[in-house]
Protein backbone atom coordinates (compact mmCIF):
# COMPACT_ATOMS: atom_id res chain seq x y z
CA MET A 1 -84.93 8.56 -32.22
CA LYS A 2 -83.08 12.14 -32.04
CA PHE A 3 -79.49 12.94 -32.80
CA GLY A 4 -77.33 16.18 -31.94
CA VAL A 5 -73.92 17.13 -32.60
CA PHE A 6 -71.51 17.89 -29.46
CA ILE A 7 -69.59 21.22 -29.77
CA LEU A 8 -66.67 22.10 -27.27
CA GLY A 9 -64.76 24.55 -29.29
CA ASP A 10 -61.35 22.50 -28.72
CA LYS A 11 -58.33 24.48 -29.64
CA PRO A 12 -55.26 22.87 -31.14
CA ASN A 13 -52.17 24.96 -31.18
CA HIS A 14 -52.10 25.19 -34.99
CA LEU A 15 -55.40 27.01 -35.19
CA SER A 16 -55.90 30.70 -34.12
CA ASP A 17 -58.81 31.55 -31.81
CA ARG A 18 -60.66 33.11 -34.87
CA GLU A 19 -60.38 29.46 -36.76
CA VAL A 20 -61.55 27.67 -33.92
CA LEU A 21 -64.85 29.76 -33.26
CA ARG A 22 -65.59 29.74 -37.19
CA ASN A 23 -65.00 26.08 -37.02
CA VAL A 24 -67.73 26.08 -34.13
CA LEU A 25 -70.33 28.12 -36.46
CA GLN A 26 -69.90 25.85 -39.70
CA GLU A 27 -70.13 22.37 -37.43
CA ALA A 28 -73.58 24.15 -36.63
CA SER A 29 -74.46 24.93 -39.80
CA TRP A 30 -73.60 21.51 -41.35
CA ALA A 31 -75.82 19.96 -38.64
CA GLU A 32 -78.59 22.11 -39.89
CA GLU A 33 -77.84 21.09 -43.35
CA LEU A 34 -77.43 17.32 -42.66
CA GLY A 35 -80.88 17.08 -40.84
CA TYR A 36 -79.68 16.54 -37.18
CA ASP A 37 -81.76 17.81 -34.56
CA GLU A 38 -79.90 19.61 -32.15
CA VAL A 39 -76.51 21.33 -31.56
CA TRP A 40 -75.41 21.10 -28.05
CA LEU A 41 -72.52 23.69 -26.90
CA ALA A 42 -70.16 23.48 -23.81
CA GLU A 43 -68.98 26.28 -21.24
CA HIS A 44 -65.26 26.42 -20.54
CA HIS A 45 -63.09 28.93 -19.17
CA PHE A 46 -59.17 29.52 -19.11
CA SER A 47 -57.89 27.15 -21.36
CA PRO A 48 -57.87 25.55 -24.71
CA TYR A 49 -59.95 22.56 -23.50
CA GLY A 50 -62.77 24.73 -24.40
CA MET A 51 -63.32 27.98 -26.00
CA LEU A 52 -67.00 28.89 -25.88
CA ALA A 53 -66.68 31.24 -22.73
CA ASP A 54 -70.09 32.84 -23.61
CA LEU A 55 -72.68 29.72 -24.51
CA PRO A 56 -75.96 32.50 -25.02
CA GLN A 57 -73.73 34.51 -27.37
CA ILE A 58 -72.45 31.43 -29.36
CA ALA A 59 -75.89 30.50 -29.47
CA THR A 60 -77.41 33.46 -30.81
CA ALA A 61 -74.73 33.31 -33.68
CA ILE A 62 -75.82 30.04 -34.48
CA ALA A 63 -79.73 30.84 -34.34
CA THR A 64 -79.15 33.90 -37.03
CA GLN A 65 -77.40 31.12 -39.49
CA THR A 66 -79.87 28.54 -38.95
CA GLU A 67 -83.82 28.17 -39.09
CA ARG A 68 -84.59 24.79 -37.90
CA ILE A 69 -82.09 23.00 -35.68
CA ARG A 70 -82.39 23.38 -31.82
CA ILE A 71 -79.60 24.70 -30.04
CA GLY A 72 -78.62 23.44 -26.46
CA THR A 73 -76.33 23.96 -23.88
CA ALA A 74 -74.47 21.07 -22.30
CA CYS A 75 -73.77 22.93 -20.23
CA MET A 76 -73.81 26.43 -18.69
CA VAL A 77 -71.58 26.29 -15.74
CA ALA A 78 -74.29 27.80 -13.19
CA PRO A 79 -72.15 28.43 -10.19
CA PHE A 80 -70.55 31.50 -12.24
CA HIS A 81 -73.51 33.01 -13.45
CA SER A 82 -75.65 35.98 -11.72
CA PRO A 83 -79.23 34.01 -12.47
CA ILE A 84 -80.68 37.42 -13.43
CA GLN A 85 -78.51 38.31 -16.01
CA LEU A 86 -78.32 34.66 -17.10
CA ALA A 87 -82.20 34.37 -17.53
CA GLU A 88 -82.08 37.39 -19.75
CA ARG A 89 -79.67 36.20 -21.85
CA ILE A 90 -81.40 33.14 -22.28
CA ALA A 91 -84.48 34.71 -22.82
CA LEU A 92 -83.02 36.91 -25.49
CA VAL A 93 -81.71 33.71 -27.66
CA ASP A 94 -85.03 31.77 -26.93
CA VAL A 95 -86.71 35.11 -29.09
CA LEU A 96 -84.09 35.49 -31.86
CA SER A 97 -84.21 31.57 -32.27
CA ASN A 98 -87.66 31.73 -32.83
CA GLY A 99 -88.08 29.57 -29.93
CA ARG A 100 -85.36 26.76 -30.62
CA PHE A 101 -83.27 26.90 -27.44
CA ASP A 102 -82.56 24.17 -24.59
CA ALA A 103 -81.27 25.72 -21.75
CA GLY A 104 -78.88 22.95 -20.14
CA PHE A 105 -77.17 23.67 -16.85
CA GLY A 106 -74.13 21.99 -14.54
CA ARG A 107 -72.22 22.77 -11.48
CA GLY A 108 -68.81 22.36 -13.28
CA TYR A 109 -65.96 20.27 -12.16
CA GLN A 110 -62.55 22.20 -13.04
CA SER A 111 -60.91 23.53 -10.29
CA HIS A 112 -59.09 25.94 -12.31
CA GLU A 113 -61.99 27.62 -13.46
CA PHE A 114 -63.62 27.97 -9.79
CA LYS A 115 -60.35 29.29 -8.75
CA GLY A 116 -60.62 32.16 -11.43
CA PHE A 117 -64.03 33.07 -10.63
CA GLY A 118 -63.17 33.21 -6.99
CA VAL A 119 -65.87 30.57 -6.40
CA SER A 120 -65.19 27.53 -3.78
CA MET A 121 -66.05 24.32 -4.94
CA ASP A 122 -67.56 23.50 -1.74
CA GLN A 123 -70.38 25.72 -2.86
CA ALA A 124 -70.92 24.20 -6.19
CA THR A 125 -73.88 22.16 -5.53
CA GLY A 126 -75.86 24.55 -3.71
CA ARG A 127 -74.82 27.69 -6.00
CA TYR A 128 -75.86 25.36 -9.20
CA GLN A 129 -79.10 24.62 -7.91
CA GLU A 130 -80.28 27.80 -6.62
CA CYS A 131 -79.06 29.54 -10.05
CA VAL A 132 -81.31 26.93 -11.97
CA GLU A 133 -84.03 27.21 -9.87
CA ILE A 134 -83.99 31.08 -9.80
CA VAL A 135 -83.47 31.03 -13.85
CA ASN A 136 -86.17 28.48 -14.44
CA ARG A 137 -88.49 30.80 -12.43
CA LEU A 138 -87.45 34.12 -14.21
CA LEU A 139 -88.33 32.30 -17.46
CA SER A 140 -91.47 31.12 -16.46
CA GLU A 141 -93.17 33.63 -14.01
CA GLU A 142 -93.32 37.50 -13.47
CA ASN A 143 -92.78 39.11 -10.23
CA VAL A 144 -90.20 36.59 -9.11
CA THR A 145 -88.72 36.73 -5.56
CA TYR A 146 -86.38 34.47 -4.18
CA HIS A 147 -84.46 34.27 -0.91
CA GLY A 148 -81.55 31.90 -0.72
CA LYS A 149 -78.16 31.15 0.80
CA TYR A 150 -76.15 32.55 -2.21
CA HIS A 151 -79.06 34.75 -3.92
CA GLN A 152 -81.51 37.36 -3.15
CA ILE A 153 -84.10 38.74 -5.48
CA GLU A 154 -87.26 40.72 -5.20
CA ASP A 155 -90.20 41.01 -7.47
CA VAL A 156 -88.05 40.91 -10.70
CA THR A 157 -89.65 40.31 -14.16
CA ILE A 158 -87.24 40.13 -16.93
CA TYR A 159 -87.83 41.10 -20.67
CA PRO A 160 -87.94 40.08 -23.23
CA ARG A 161 -90.38 37.15 -22.46
CA PRO A 162 -88.94 34.14 -23.62
CA LEU A 163 -90.93 32.64 -26.79
CA GLN A 164 -91.00 29.16 -25.22
CA GLN A 165 -93.37 28.21 -22.16
CA PRO A 166 -91.48 26.72 -20.67
CA VAL A 167 -88.16 26.73 -22.04
CA PRO A 168 -86.89 23.18 -21.76
CA VAL A 169 -84.30 22.85 -18.68
CA TRP A 170 -81.61 20.57 -18.91
CA GLY A 171 -79.08 19.26 -15.97
CA THR A 172 -75.78 17.38 -16.73
CA VAL A 173 -75.70 14.35 -14.61
CA MET A 174 -73.71 11.06 -13.96
CA LYS A 175 -74.43 8.34 -11.27
CA THR A 176 -75.11 10.58 -8.04
CA PRO A 177 -78.90 9.32 -7.05
CA SER A 178 -79.44 12.76 -5.37
CA SER A 179 -78.47 14.55 -8.42
CA PHE A 180 -81.47 12.60 -10.49
CA GLU A 181 -83.96 13.07 -7.58
CA TRP A 182 -83.28 16.92 -7.62
CA LEU A 183 -83.74 16.84 -11.57
CA ALA A 184 -86.60 14.68 -11.25
CA ASP A 185 -88.56 17.08 -8.38
CA LYS A 186 -87.94 19.84 -10.76
CA SER A 187 -89.34 18.26 -13.90
CA PHE A 188 -86.02 18.95 -15.62
CA GLY A 189 -84.32 16.69 -18.23
CA ALA A 190 -81.10 15.14 -17.98
CA ILE A 191 -77.85 14.92 -20.12
CA ILE A 192 -75.95 12.16 -19.13
CA GLY A 193 -72.13 11.26 -19.91
CA ASN A 194 -69.11 13.83 -20.08
CA PRO A 195 -66.99 14.87 -23.16
CA TYR A 196 -63.61 13.69 -21.97
CA GLN A 197 -64.21 10.00 -21.03
CA VAL A 198 -66.32 6.77 -22.01
CA ASP A 199 -68.15 5.83 -19.10
CA PRO A 200 -68.85 2.09 -19.13
CA ASP A 201 -71.54 2.65 -16.31
CA LEU A 202 -73.72 4.77 -18.49
CA GLN A 203 -76.63 2.30 -18.56
CA GLY A 204 -76.36 2.37 -14.87
CA ALA A 205 -77.02 5.87 -15.04
CA LEU A 206 -80.06 5.87 -17.26
CA ASP A 207 -81.38 3.48 -14.90
CA ILE A 208 -80.94 5.56 -11.89
CA TYR A 209 -82.74 8.33 -13.57
CA LEU A 210 -85.78 6.04 -14.68
CA ASP A 211 -85.95 4.75 -11.23
CA VAL A 212 -86.10 8.49 -9.69
CA GLN A 213 -88.65 9.33 -12.27
CA SER A 214 -90.97 6.18 -11.50
CA LYS A 215 -90.65 6.80 -7.55
CA LYS A 216 -91.52 10.39 -7.99
CA GLY A 217 -94.90 8.91 -9.63
CA LEU A 218 -93.45 10.54 -13.26
CA ASP A 219 -93.56 9.37 -16.71
CA ALA A 220 -90.42 7.13 -16.76
CA ALA A 221 -89.74 8.19 -20.40
CA THR A 222 -86.71 8.34 -22.28
CA GLY A 223 -87.21 11.37 -24.59
CA ASN A 224 -86.28 13.82 -21.52
CA VAL A 225 -82.41 12.37 -21.47
CA TRP A 226 -79.56 12.47 -23.90
CA ALA A 227 -76.43 10.56 -23.82
CA LEU A 228 -72.93 11.66 -25.09
CA LEU A 229 -70.98 9.57 -27.25
CA ASN A 230 -67.76 9.67 -29.46
CA ALA A 231 -68.50 9.32 -33.07
CA PHE A 232 -66.74 9.21 -36.62
CA CYS A 233 -68.03 7.64 -39.62
CA ASP A 234 -66.25 6.50 -43.00
CA LYS A 235 -66.96 4.19 -45.64
CA ASP A 236 -63.49 2.58 -44.83
CA ASP A 237 -63.93 0.74 -41.41
CA GLY A 238 -60.22 0.99 -40.77
CA PHE A 239 -59.65 4.90 -41.79
CA ALA A 240 -62.41 5.36 -39.54
CA ARG A 241 -60.99 3.69 -36.57
CA SER A 242 -57.50 4.95 -37.16
CA TYR A 243 -57.96 8.66 -38.70
CA PRO A 244 -59.07 10.35 -35.31
CA ARG A 245 -56.02 9.37 -33.33
CA ASP A 246 -54.16 12.31 -33.59
CA SER A 247 -56.84 14.53 -33.00
CA VAL A 248 -58.52 12.50 -29.96
CA GLU A 249 -55.05 11.98 -28.41
CA LEU A 250 -54.76 15.92 -28.48
CA SER A 251 -58.12 15.83 -26.57
CA ILE A 252 -57.03 13.72 -23.94
CA GLN A 253 -53.85 15.44 -23.50
CA THR A 254 -55.30 18.88 -23.07
CA HIS A 255 -57.70 17.27 -20.89
CA ARG A 256 -55.08 15.67 -18.72
CA LYS A 257 -53.72 19.19 -18.38
CA TYR A 258 -56.47 21.12 -17.49
CA SER A 259 -59.48 19.61 -16.43
CA SER A 260 -58.90 18.09 -12.76
CA PRO A 261 -61.16 18.89 -9.99
CA PHE A 262 -58.34 19.28 -7.38
CA GLU A 263 -54.42 19.07 -7.35
CA ARG A 264 -52.93 15.81 -7.34
CA GLY A 265 -52.44 14.59 -3.68
CA GLY A 266 -54.68 17.58 -2.39
CA GLU A 267 -57.40 17.88 -0.54
CA ILE A 268 -60.60 16.78 -2.48
CA PRO A 269 -63.68 19.33 -2.18
CA ALA A 270 -66.99 18.14 -0.57
CA ASP A 271 -68.86 18.37 -3.10
CA TYR A 272 -66.86 16.23 -5.40
CA LYS A 273 -66.00 13.24 -3.17
CA ALA A 274 -67.07 11.05 -6.08
CA TYR A 275 -63.96 12.17 -8.16
CA SER A 276 -61.61 10.44 -5.58
CA ASP A 277 -60.31 8.43 -8.18
CA TRP A 278 -59.81 11.18 -10.75
CA PHE A 279 -55.91 10.73 -11.36
CA ASP A 280 -56.19 6.81 -11.27
CA LYS A 281 -58.62 7.00 -13.98
CA HIS A 282 -57.34 9.61 -16.33
CA ASP A 283 -53.96 9.09 -15.89
CA LYS A 284 -54.50 5.82 -18.04
CA GLN A 285 -56.89 7.05 -20.64
CA SER A 286 -55.76 6.21 -24.26
CA TYR A 287 -57.07 6.33 -27.55
CA GLU A 288 -57.71 2.53 -27.34
CA GLN A 289 -59.90 3.08 -24.45
CA VAL A 290 -62.06 5.27 -26.35
CA LEU A 291 -61.99 3.40 -29.50
CA ASN A 292 -62.95 0.00 -28.13
CA SER A 293 -65.62 1.04 -25.93
CA HIS A 294 -69.10 -0.54 -26.89
CA LEU A 295 -70.47 3.09 -26.62
CA THR A 296 -67.99 4.83 -29.23
CA LEU A 297 -69.72 5.01 -32.63
CA MET A 298 -66.56 5.10 -34.70
CA GLY A 299 -66.14 3.00 -37.81
CA ASP A 300 -68.04 2.05 -40.86
CA PRO A 301 -72.06 2.55 -41.33
CA ASP A 302 -72.47 -1.19 -40.43
CA ARG A 303 -70.24 -1.32 -37.30
CA ILE A 304 -71.81 1.90 -35.90
CA ILE A 305 -75.21 0.20 -36.64
CA THR A 306 -74.53 -2.70 -35.04
CA LYS A 307 -73.12 -0.57 -32.07
CA MET A 308 -76.38 1.51 -32.21
CA ARG A 309 -78.40 -1.89 -31.30
CA THR A 310 -76.55 -1.89 -27.93
CA VAL A 311 -77.19 1.79 -27.50
CA ILE A 312 -81.07 1.21 -28.17
CA ASP A 313 -81.34 -1.91 -25.97
CA MET A 314 -80.02 0.26 -23.40
CA GLY A 315 -83.17 2.41 -23.43
CA TRP A 316 -81.50 5.31 -25.36
CA ARG A 317 -83.46 7.62 -27.73
CA ASN A 318 -81.47 10.79 -27.77
CA ILE A 319 -77.79 10.48 -28.67
CA MET A 320 -75.39 13.66 -28.77
CA LEU A 321 -72.33 12.92 -30.71
CA ARG A 322 -68.94 14.31 -30.46
CA MET A 323 -68.02 14.29 -34.25
CA SER A 324 -64.70 16.19 -34.12
CA ARG A 325 -63.00 15.45 -30.63
CA GLY A 326 -59.75 17.34 -30.42
CA GLY A 327 -60.59 20.09 -32.98
CA ALA A 328 -57.57 18.81 -35.08
CA MET A 329 -59.45 16.91 -37.71
CA ASP A 330 -59.51 18.00 -41.47
CA ARG A 331 -62.78 19.95 -41.83
CA ASN A 332 -63.75 18.02 -44.94
CA LYS A 333 -63.42 14.72 -43.28
CA VAL A 334 -65.52 15.80 -40.59
CA TYR A 335 -68.20 17.53 -42.51
CA GLU A 336 -68.05 13.78 -44.64
CA SER A 337 -68.36 11.77 -41.49
CA MET A 338 -71.29 13.88 -40.38
CA LYS A 339 -73.01 13.37 -43.96
CA LEU A 340 -72.36 9.51 -44.18
CA PHE A 341 -73.64 9.22 -40.60
CA ALA A 342 -76.74 11.29 -41.39
CA ARG A 343 -77.66 9.30 -44.45
CA GLU A 344 -76.87 6.11 -43.28
CA VAL A 345 -76.74 5.15 -39.96
CA ILE A 346 -79.37 7.81 -38.51
CA PRO A 347 -82.20 6.11 -40.51
CA ALA A 348 -81.02 2.47 -39.70
CA ALA A 349 -81.09 3.17 -35.65
CA THR A 350 -84.39 5.06 -36.22
CA GLU A 351 -85.72 1.91 -37.77
CA LEU A 352 -84.01 -0.12 -35.02
CA ALA A 353 -85.58 2.07 -32.20
CA ALA A 354 -89.08 1.89 -33.89
CA THR A 355 -89.02 -1.81 -33.92
CA ALA A 356 -87.17 -2.21 -30.06
CA VAL A 357 -89.39 -3.61 -27.18
């Protein structure tokens, strides 16, 4: 099994921008120190929901202070970027990190971000797919020409060339079969889940991905799929389940304020019809909903290991952990949680996975 740490860069009111970014770099360093396999970063704009507006830049900063851990993006919002410039920045990170970069992309979903960039949400899927296709080609080929609906390039070769050939490419997806089919067609990996809501249908999403791979005649392996789960670990089970409440509730409130894909009662963009029940679901979010999910890894090691049996039986082998949701937890407690999870949960889960059928 592989375990990664997911970092959003949440900004609670009592922390300055500088303190938030310092905590991001600190958490990435802890992840390397404690033996995690990967740190994953998320791009957001124009709100305290997430402070990491430039993921290649943050990834470079992490690369300079680490030696082993892989650095991934979950995700870069492709519709907001020039594919040429994005490919150049990814190549730079890959070289500077000595080939430790995973390039993850998504189409985005927050309407105020699209408005800020002047991009129509009705174009999100098309722009996302074109951008990722071009970036992937620029990273793996020379003299690239591409004529699409949104991007036109002629005989372009980027420098430096990335160290990895190929640079691993990932797409963030949930439940739409066409999205999984596109990823399978391109031989890209999948990141399944979201940072704002526990998805009870995570099993269904994995099944869709594996089914699509099988129908395409591809190896239906779980090694190229990551799941995103909430986590907090402490020897005291009651403390582990109660302490994160204030920070997680802050995250829920911030998400509710900034993250909607359309205005309440407004028209739903064509590419986001699957989000039609957004307000019905997210108006009712609560800490208890997060805590009591069978997919939330919050508790003492024994409780979490028991839950890991379910996660492993579902077929997951790569787990991305949101360990400091909301950004308002005491840093020492976050570190101790990460350490205890690494020392007691990861070895037990790895043993469970090795004996699973």
